[in-house]
Protein backbone atom coordinates (compact mmCIF):
# COMPACT_ATOMS: atom_id res chain seq x y z
CA GLU A 1 75.31 139.24 94.00
CA SER A 2 75.39 135.47 92.75
CA ARG A 3 77.46 136.52 89.90
CA GLU A 4 80.09 137.80 92.26
CA ALA A 5 79.90 134.43 94.06
CA MET A 6 80.40 132.43 90.98
CA ALA A 7 83.44 134.79 90.14
CA ALA A 8 85.05 134.00 93.20
CA HIS A 9 84.41 130.35 92.88
CA ALA A 10 85.91 130.39 89.26
CA TYR A 11 89.26 132.05 90.75
CA GLU A 12 89.42 129.04 92.98
CA ALA A 13 88.83 126.32 90.46
CA LEU A 14 91.23 127.73 87.85
CA VAL A 15 94.96 126.22 87.93
CA VAL A 16 97.90 127.41 85.92
CA LEU A 17 99.62 123.88 85.45
CA HIS A 18 102.82 125.65 84.33
CA ASP A 19 104.11 128.81 82.78
CA ASP A 20 107.23 129.23 81.04
CA GLY A 21 107.09 132.86 81.12
CA VAL A 22 104.67 133.43 78.29
CA LEU A 23 102.06 134.84 80.75
CA PRO A 24 100.64 137.46 80.81
CA LEU A 25 99.43 137.93 77.35
CA THR A 26 99.22 141.78 77.61
CA GLY A 27 100.97 143.42 74.62
CA GLN A 28 100.95 140.22 72.68
CA ASP A 29 98.99 139.48 69.46
CA VAL A 30 97.02 136.35 70.12
CA LEU A 31 95.17 133.99 67.95
CA TYR A 32 92.63 131.54 69.64
CA VAL A 33 91.73 128.16 68.47
CA GLY A 34 88.91 126.30 70.16
CA PRO A 35 85.15 125.67 70.63
CA ASP A 36 82.54 127.91 69.31
CA THR A 37 79.45 128.63 71.42
CA VAL A 38 77.71 125.26 70.18
CA PHE A 39 79.56 122.27 70.60
CA GLN A 40 79.56 118.45 71.21
CA ASP A 41 80.98 117.35 74.41
CA PRO A 42 82.89 114.28 73.20
CA GLY A 43 82.92 112.77 76.91
CA SER A 44 79.23 112.50 76.81
CA THR A 45 78.04 113.59 73.18
CA TRP A 46 75.77 116.31 74.80
CA ILE A 47 75.31 119.29 72.83
CA ASN A 48 76.38 122.61 74.69
CA ILE A 49 75.34 126.02 74.21
CA VAL A 50 77.31 128.81 76.04
CA ASP A 51 76.86 132.34 75.66
CA GLN A 52 80.44 133.33 74.87
CA THR A 53 83.75 131.68 73.71
CA MET A 54 87.13 131.74 75.32
CA ALA A 55 87.96 133.95 72.52
CA ASP A 56 85.18 136.55 73.56
CA ALA A 57 86.68 136.58 77.08
CA LEU A 58 89.98 137.25 75.78
CA ARG A 59 88.75 140.08 73.63
CA ARG A 60 87.43 141.82 76.87
CA HIS A 61 91.18 142.62 77.35
CA GLU A 62 92.43 142.78 73.94
CA PRO A 63 89.97 143.53 71.09
CA SER A 64 92.45 142.54 68.43
CA VAL A 65 92.47 138.68 69.57
CA GLU A 66 91.43 136.70 66.28
CA ASP A 67 89.91 133.19 66.30
CA VAL A 68 89.33 130.01 64.31
CA LEU A 69 86.40 128.27 66.10
CA TRP A 70 84.87 124.81 65.56
CA THR A 71 81.05 124.29 65.96
CA MET A 72 79.90 120.94 67.06
CA VAL A 73 83.01 118.70 66.22
CA PRO A 74 86.33 120.21 64.44
CA ASN A 75 87.68 119.62 61.32
CA PRO A 76 91.37 119.16 61.79
CA ALA A 77 92.48 119.94 58.28
CA SER A 78 90.41 123.32 57.85
CA MET A 79 90.88 124.50 61.30
CA VAL A 80 94.64 124.08 60.96
CA ASP A 81 94.88 125.56 57.55
CA GLU A 82 92.67 128.66 58.58
CA ALA A 83 95.10 129.03 61.69
CA LEU A 84 98.29 128.73 59.85
CA THR A 85 97.02 131.21 57.52
CA LEU A 86 95.97 133.71 59.84
CA ILE A 87 99.22 133.25 61.83
CA GLU A 88 101.25 134.11 58.77
CA LEU A 89 98.64 137.13 57.74
CA LEU A 90 98.51 138.70 61.34
CA GLY A 91 102.09 137.90 62.51
CA SER A 92 100.47 136.41 65.76
CA ASP A 93 102.92 136.44 68.72
CA VAL A 94 101.12 133.51 70.91
CA LEU A 95 98.78 130.87 69.90
CA VAL A 96 96.01 129.83 72.58
CA ILE A 97 94.49 126.56 71.97
CA GLY A 98 91.42 125.77 73.65
CA THR A 99 90.31 122.03 74.28
CA LEU A 100 87.25 120.72 75.92
CA GLN A 101 87.37 116.96 76.80
CA GLY A 102 89.91 116.51 74.12
CA ARG A 103 90.97 113.26 75.34
CA PHE A 104 87.59 111.66 73.96
CA SER A 105 87.94 113.60 70.71
CA LEU A 106 90.42 112.28 68.07
CA GLU A 107 89.77 115.68 66.18
CA GLN A 108 90.62 117.90 68.88
CA GLN A 109 93.91 115.77 69.60
CA GLN A 110 94.68 115.93 65.72
CA VAL A 111 94.15 119.75 65.72
CA VAL A 112 96.32 120.34 68.75
CA ALA A 113 99.20 117.98 67.59
CA TRP A 114 99.16 119.49 63.88
CA LEU A 115 99.34 122.84 65.22
CA LEU A 116 101.96 122.09 67.71
CA ASP A 117 104.20 120.32 65.00
CA SER A 118 103.48 123.50 62.59
CA VAL A 119 104.08 126.52 64.59
CA GLU A 120 107.15 128.17 65.89
CA MET A 121 105.58 130.27 68.71
CA PRO A 122 104.49 130.02 72.15
CA VAL A 123 101.21 127.99 72.72
CA VAL A 124 99.11 128.24 75.46
CA HIS A 125 96.89 125.47 76.35
CA VAL A 126 93.53 126.30 77.87
CA ILE A 127 91.82 123.50 79.05
CA LEU A 128 88.07 124.04 79.36
CA GLY A 129 87.22 120.67 80.73
CA VAL A 130 88.59 118.48 83.07
CA PRO A 131 92.35 118.65 82.84
CA PHE A 132 93.39 115.49 81.45
CA ASP A 133 93.59 117.23 77.96
CA TYR A 134 96.96 118.42 79.57
CA LEU A 135 98.73 114.99 79.15
CA GLN A 136 98.66 115.61 75.26
CA THR A 137 100.52 118.83 75.63
CA ARG A 138 102.33 119.23 79.08
CA ASP A 139 105.86 118.85 77.40
CA ARG A 140 104.88 120.78 74.29
CA VAL A 141 103.34 124.17 75.38
CA ALA A 142 104.83 127.33 76.94
CA ALA A 143 101.89 127.44 79.51
CA ALA A 144 98.42 125.68 80.38
CA VAL A 145 95.88 126.50 82.26
CA ALA A 146 93.13 124.26 83.59
CA VAL A 147 89.78 126.17 83.56
CA MET A 148 87.42 123.33 84.67
CA GLY A 149 84.50 124.66 82.75
CA SER A 150 83.39 126.18 79.61
CA ARG A 151 80.57 128.98 81.15
CA SER A 152 81.06 132.62 80.88
CA VAL A 153 82.18 133.08 84.64
CA MET A 154 84.82 130.73 83.96
CA VAL A 155 86.26 131.81 80.55
CA GLU A 156 85.88 135.24 81.85
CA ALA A 157 88.22 134.35 84.82
CA ALA A 158 90.53 132.34 82.68
CA ALA A 159 90.97 135.63 80.58
CA ASP A 160 91.75 137.64 83.61
CA VAL A 161 94.57 135.11 84.54
CA LEU A 162 95.78 134.94 81.19
CA TYR A 163 96.16 138.77 81.03
CA GLY A 164 97.54 139.10 84.52
CA LEU A 165 94.69 140.81 86.21
CA SER A 166 93.82 138.17 88.71
CA GLU A 167 95.47 135.02 89.94
CA ALA A 168 94.21 131.59 89.72
CA ARG A 169 94.07 129.85 92.99
CA GLY A 170 93.10 126.60 92.28
CA THR A 171 95.12 123.60 93.08
CA MET A 172 95.26 120.08 91.58
CA LEU A 173 94.24 117.34 93.88
CA TYR A 174 96.36 114.69 91.57
CA ASP A 175 99.26 114.72 89.46
CA LEU A 176 99.19 114.88 85.62
């Protein structure tokens, strides 16, 4: 019962900040770039451990989702090189980039900027923490979703929204 209540709350917290028509992701080959299950929150420097990644949640809907994940703090050069190699090898249709408190992380900002400068495909920005990371990408991505958390119930709800199985019902209390 509490898991159901948490899931209901998760949909109330999710906000689709914009979508140029790339969503839902159904039928598209997706590459996800973002945090692994162990990462450092750049805002607090706390170490976070979660039981699944956003990529894991996406794979609940499409098992072929590939990922490039960082543990603790991203290494921008190697992550971007790996992502671009996979995009070429796999023929990905959509790049989904997850950030978590990226406004406090020059490394995350660099990964996002380099990927946006390097790809010619739709990019979906999944903001796993507070939505201020959207300020870096708002004019450069095909869609953006503010998830407001990285725990399993939140990323599962976000995956449901990204694949069109549910609607985000949250609202922003301020303009970004």
